[in-house]
């Protein structure tokens, strides 16, 4: 089974991306790959990118995102969205 790596586990090494720089995920991707991309973006401080990738993972029909792991992923999305709103209220 797939487990999402802890989001925002290390300090940002690069500045967060500006709006419009986030590449769109392929909706047919494996949720583990989508989640890993989100984790990578979060570690770089790219909250917008993390939200895009994690949201795509949640939208898949994969069984892994329907249970407790999905709950954890949705919580990470909510927290990242809240942090992004606090840092960039525009």
N, C-alpha and C. Protein backbone atom coordinates (compact mmCIF):
# COMPACT_ATOMS: atom_id res chain seq x y z
N UNK A 1 0.82 -1.20 0.00
CA UNK A 1 0.00 0.00 0.00
C UNK A 1 0.85 1.25 0.00
N UNK A 2 0.31 2.30 -0.54
CA UNK A 2 1.01 3.56 -0.70
C UNK A 2 0.76 4.44 0.48
N UNK A 3 1.79 5.14 0.91
CA UNK A 3 1.62 6.09 2.00
C UNK A 3 2.22 7.41 1.60
N UNK A 4 1.49 8.50 1.78
CA UNK A 4 2.05 9.79 1.43
C UNK A 4 3.17 10.16 2.40
N UNK A 5 4.23 10.67 1.88
CA UNK A 5 5.34 11.13 2.69
C UNK A 5 4.89 12.40 3.39
N UNK A 6 5.38 12.64 4.59
CA UNK A 6 4.98 13.82 5.33
C UNK A 6 5.16 15.09 4.53
N UNK A 7 4.10 15.83 4.35
CA UNK A 7 4.15 17.07 3.58
C UNK A 7 4.89 18.15 4.36
N UNK A 8 5.59 18.96 3.65
CA UNK A 8 6.33 20.09 4.21
C UNK A 8 7.27 19.59 5.32
N UNK A 9 8.00 18.54 5.03
CA UNK A 9 8.86 17.91 6.01
C UNK A 9 10.19 18.63 6.20
N UNK A 10 10.60 19.41 5.21
CA UNK A 10 11.87 20.11 5.33
C UNK A 10 11.70 21.55 4.87
N UNK A 11 12.64 22.42 5.27
CA UNK A 11 12.52 23.83 4.88
C UNK A 11 12.62 24.01 3.37
N UNK A 12 12.01 25.06 2.89
CA UNK A 12 12.04 25.36 1.45
C UNK A 12 13.46 25.70 1.03
N UNK A 13 13.88 25.14 -0.07
CA UNK A 13 15.20 25.43 -0.61
C UNK A 13 15.11 26.43 -1.75
N UNK A 14 13.91 26.58 -2.32
CA UNK A 14 13.67 27.50 -3.42
C UNK A 14 12.42 28.30 -3.10
N UNK A 15 12.27 29.47 -3.69
CA UNK A 15 11.06 30.24 -3.43
C UNK A 15 9.84 29.55 -4.01
N UNK A 16 8.70 29.85 -3.43
CA UNK A 16 7.45 29.30 -3.93
C UNK A 16 7.20 29.80 -5.34
N UNK A 17 6.54 29.00 -6.15
CA UNK A 17 6.25 29.42 -7.52
C UNK A 17 5.19 30.50 -7.53
N UNK A 18 5.17 31.25 -8.60
CA UNK A 18 4.12 32.24 -8.77
C UNK A 18 2.94 31.57 -9.44
N UNK A 19 1.81 32.19 -9.38
CA UNK A 19 0.62 31.61 -10.00
C UNK A 19 0.86 31.40 -11.48
N UNK A 20 0.35 30.30 -12.01
CA UNK A 20 0.48 30.01 -13.42
C UNK A 20 1.67 29.15 -13.78
N UNK A 21 2.58 28.90 -12.86
CA UNK A 21 3.76 28.09 -13.14
C UNK A 21 3.54 26.60 -12.90
N UNK A 22 2.45 26.24 -12.29
CA UNK A 22 2.21 24.85 -11.91
C UNK A 22 1.79 24.04 -13.13
N UNK A 23 2.49 22.94 -13.35
CA UNK A 23 2.15 22.09 -14.48
C UNK A 23 0.94 21.24 -14.10
N UNK A 24 0.04 21.06 -15.04
CA UNK A 24 -1.18 20.30 -14.78
C UNK A 24 -0.89 18.81 -14.74
N UNK A 25 -1.40 18.12 -13.71
CA UNK A 25 -1.17 16.68 -13.62
C UNK A 25 -2.03 15.91 -14.61
N UNK A 26 -1.54 14.76 -15.01
CA UNK A 26 -2.29 13.85 -15.87
C UNK A 26 -3.31 13.14 -14.99
N UNK A 27 -4.61 13.27 -15.31
CA UNK A 27 -5.64 12.67 -14.44
C UNK A 27 -5.59 11.14 -14.38
N UNK A 28 -4.90 10.51 -15.32
CA UNK A 28 -4.83 9.04 -15.33
C UNK A 28 -3.63 8.52 -14.56
N UNK A 29 -2.89 9.38 -13.92
CA UNK A 29 -1.70 8.99 -13.19
C UNK A 29 -2.02 8.19 -11.94
N UNK A 30 -1.07 7.40 -11.53
CA UNK A 30 -1.14 6.65 -10.28
C UNK A 30 -1.16 7.64 -9.12
N UNK A 31 -2.07 7.49 -8.15
CA UNK A 31 -2.13 8.44 -7.04
C UNK A 31 -0.84 8.52 -6.24
N UNK A 32 -0.07 7.45 -6.18
CA UNK A 32 1.21 7.50 -5.46
C UNK A 32 2.17 8.46 -6.15
N UNK A 33 2.15 8.48 -7.47
CA UNK A 33 3.01 9.39 -8.23
C UNK A 33 2.53 10.82 -8.02
N UNK A 34 1.22 11.03 -8.09
CA UNK A 34 0.66 12.36 -7.87
C UNK A 34 1.01 12.89 -6.48
N UNK A 35 0.88 12.02 -5.50
CA UNK A 35 1.17 12.41 -4.12
C UNK A 35 2.66 12.72 -3.95
N UNK A 36 3.51 11.92 -4.55
CA UNK A 36 4.95 12.16 -4.46
C UNK A 36 5.31 13.50 -5.09
N UNK A 37 4.68 13.83 -6.22
CA UNK A 37 4.93 15.13 -6.84
C UNK A 37 4.48 16.26 -5.92
N UNK A 38 3.34 16.07 -5.25
CA UNK A 38 2.86 17.06 -4.29
C UNK A 38 3.82 17.22 -3.13
N UNK A 39 4.33 16.11 -2.63
CA UNK A 39 5.29 16.15 -1.53
C UNK A 39 6.56 16.91 -1.93
N UNK A 40 7.04 16.64 -3.15
CA UNK A 40 8.24 17.33 -3.65
C UNK A 40 7.99 18.83 -3.74
N UNK A 41 6.83 19.20 -4.25
CA UNK A 41 6.50 20.62 -4.38
C UNK A 41 6.43 21.28 -3.00
N UNK A 42 5.81 20.61 -2.04
CA UNK A 42 5.69 21.17 -0.69
C UNK A 42 7.06 21.35 -0.05
N UNK A 43 7.95 20.41 -0.24
CA UNK A 43 9.29 20.53 0.33
C UNK A 43 10.07 21.70 -0.26
N UNK A 44 9.76 22.04 -1.52
CA UNK A 44 10.40 23.20 -2.16
C UNK A 44 9.74 24.51 -1.74
N UNK A 45 8.63 24.42 -1.02
CA UNK A 45 7.90 25.62 -0.63
C UNK A 45 6.87 26.03 -1.66
N UNK A 46 6.62 25.19 -2.64
CA UNK A 46 5.65 25.47 -3.70
C UNK A 46 4.29 24.94 -3.28
N UNK A 47 3.59 25.71 -2.46
CA UNK A 47 2.30 25.26 -1.94
C UNK A 47 1.25 25.14 -3.04
N UNK A 48 1.27 26.05 -4.00
CA UNK A 48 0.31 25.99 -5.10
C UNK A 48 0.49 24.69 -5.88
N UNK A 49 1.73 24.33 -6.15
CA UNK A 49 2.00 23.09 -6.86
C UNK A 49 1.59 21.87 -6.06
N UNK A 50 1.89 21.88 -4.76
CA UNK A 50 1.51 20.76 -3.90
C UNK A 50 0.00 20.57 -3.90
N UNK A 51 -0.73 21.67 -3.83
CA UNK A 51 -2.19 21.58 -3.83
C UNK A 51 -2.72 20.98 -5.12
N UNK A 52 -2.12 21.35 -6.23
CA UNK A 52 -2.56 20.80 -7.53
C UNK A 52 -2.35 19.30 -7.57
N UNK A 53 -1.15 18.85 -7.20
CA UNK A 53 -0.82 17.42 -7.29
C UNK A 53 -1.63 16.60 -6.28
N UNK A 54 -1.70 17.07 -5.03
CA UNK A 54 -2.45 16.33 -4.02
C UNK A 54 -3.94 16.26 -4.36
N UNK A 55 -4.48 17.36 -4.87
CA UNK A 55 -5.90 17.37 -5.25
C UNK A 55 -6.16 16.38 -6.37
N UNK A 56 -5.23 16.29 -7.31
CA UNK A 56 -5.38 15.31 -8.40
C UNK A 56 -5.35 13.89 -7.84
N UNK A 57 -4.51 13.63 -6.84
CA UNK A 57 -4.45 12.30 -6.23
C UNK A 57 -5.77 11.95 -5.55
N UNK A 58 -6.36 12.92 -4.88
CA UNK A 58 -7.64 12.69 -4.18
C UNK A 58 -8.76 12.41 -5.18
N UNK A 59 -8.69 13.02 -6.35
CA UNK A 59 -9.75 12.84 -7.35
C UNK A 59 -9.68 11.50 -8.07
N UNK A 60 -8.60 10.75 -7.90
CA UNK A 60 -8.53 9.44 -8.55
C UNK A 60 -9.50 8.48 -7.86
N UNK A 61 -9.82 7.41 -8.53
CA UNK A 61 -10.73 6.41 -7.97
C UNK A 61 -9.98 5.31 -7.23
N UNK A 62 -8.71 5.50 -6.99
CA UNK A 62 -7.89 4.50 -6.33
C UNK A 62 -8.37 4.23 -4.91
N UNK A 63 -8.39 3.00 -4.53
CA UNK A 63 -8.84 2.59 -3.19
C UNK A 63 -7.99 3.21 -2.09
N UNK A 64 -6.71 3.41 -2.34
CA UNK A 64 -5.80 3.94 -1.32
C UNK A 64 -6.21 5.32 -0.83
N UNK A 65 -6.82 6.12 -1.69
CA UNK A 65 -7.20 7.47 -1.27
C UNK A 65 -8.62 7.54 -0.73
N UNK A 66 -9.26 6.41 -0.54
CA UNK A 66 -10.62 6.38 0.00
C UNK A 66 -10.65 6.18 1.51
N UNK A 67 -9.58 5.66 2.10
CA UNK A 67 -9.54 5.36 3.53
C UNK A 67 -8.76 6.38 4.33
N UNK A 68 -8.12 5.92 5.40
CA UNK A 68 -7.36 6.81 6.28
C UNK A 68 -6.25 7.58 5.58
N UNK A 69 -5.62 6.97 4.59
CA UNK A 69 -4.56 7.68 3.87
C UNK A 69 -5.14 8.84 3.07
N UNK A 70 -6.31 8.63 2.53
CA UNK A 70 -6.98 9.72 1.83
C UNK A 70 -7.36 10.83 2.79
N UNK A 71 -7.78 10.47 3.99
CA UNK A 71 -8.11 11.47 5.00
C UNK A 71 -6.87 12.30 5.34
N UNK A 72 -5.75 11.62 5.46
CA UNK A 72 -4.48 12.32 5.76
C UNK A 72 -4.11 13.26 4.63
N UNK A 73 -4.30 12.82 3.40
CA UNK A 73 -4.00 13.63 2.24
C UNK A 73 -4.92 14.85 2.18
N UNK A 74 -6.21 14.66 2.43
CA UNK A 74 -7.15 15.78 2.43
C UNK A 74 -6.82 16.78 3.55
N UNK A 75 -6.35 16.28 4.67
CA UNK A 75 -5.94 17.17 5.76
C UNK A 75 -4.72 18.00 5.34
N UNK A 76 -3.76 17.37 4.67
CA UNK A 76 -2.59 18.10 4.17
C UNK A 76 -3.00 19.18 3.18
N UNK A 77 -3.98 18.86 2.33
CA UNK A 77 -4.49 19.84 1.37
C UNK A 77 -5.09 21.03 2.10
N UNK A 78 -5.91 20.75 3.10
CA UNK A 78 -6.56 21.83 3.85
C UNK A 78 -5.53 22.71 4.56
N UNK A 79 -4.53 22.09 5.17
CA UNK A 79 -3.50 22.84 5.88
C UNK A 79 -2.65 23.68 4.93
N UNK A 80 -2.27 23.09 3.80
CA UNK A 80 -1.46 23.83 2.83
C UNK A 80 -2.25 24.99 2.24
N UNK A 81 -3.53 24.77 1.98
CA UNK A 81 -4.38 25.85 1.45
C UNK A 81 -4.50 26.98 2.46
N UNK A 82 -4.66 26.62 3.71
CA UNK A 82 -4.76 27.64 4.77
C UNK A 82 -3.45 28.42 4.90
N UNK A 83 -2.32 27.72 4.89
CA UNK A 83 -1.03 28.38 4.98
C UNK A 83 -0.81 29.30 3.77
N UNK A 84 -1.14 28.82 2.59
CA UNK A 84 -1.00 29.63 1.40
C UNK A 84 -1.86 30.90 1.49
N UNK A 85 -3.08 30.76 1.99
CA UNK A 85 -3.97 31.92 2.14
C UNK A 85 -3.41 32.92 3.16
N UNK A 86 -2.77 32.42 4.20
CA UNK A 86 -2.19 33.32 5.20
C UNK A 86 -0.96 34.05 4.66
N UNK A 87 -0.17 33.35 3.86
CA UNK A 87 1.06 33.94 3.31
C UNK A 87 0.81 34.85 2.12
N UNK A 88 -0.23 34.54 1.36
CA UNK A 88 -0.52 35.30 0.14
C UNK A 88 -2.02 35.56 0.07
N UNK A 89 -2.52 36.53 0.83
CA UNK A 89 -3.96 36.75 0.91
C UNK A 89 -4.58 37.32 -0.36
N UNK A 90 -3.81 37.62 -1.37
CA UNK A 90 -4.35 38.23 -2.60
C UNK A 90 -5.22 37.32 -3.38
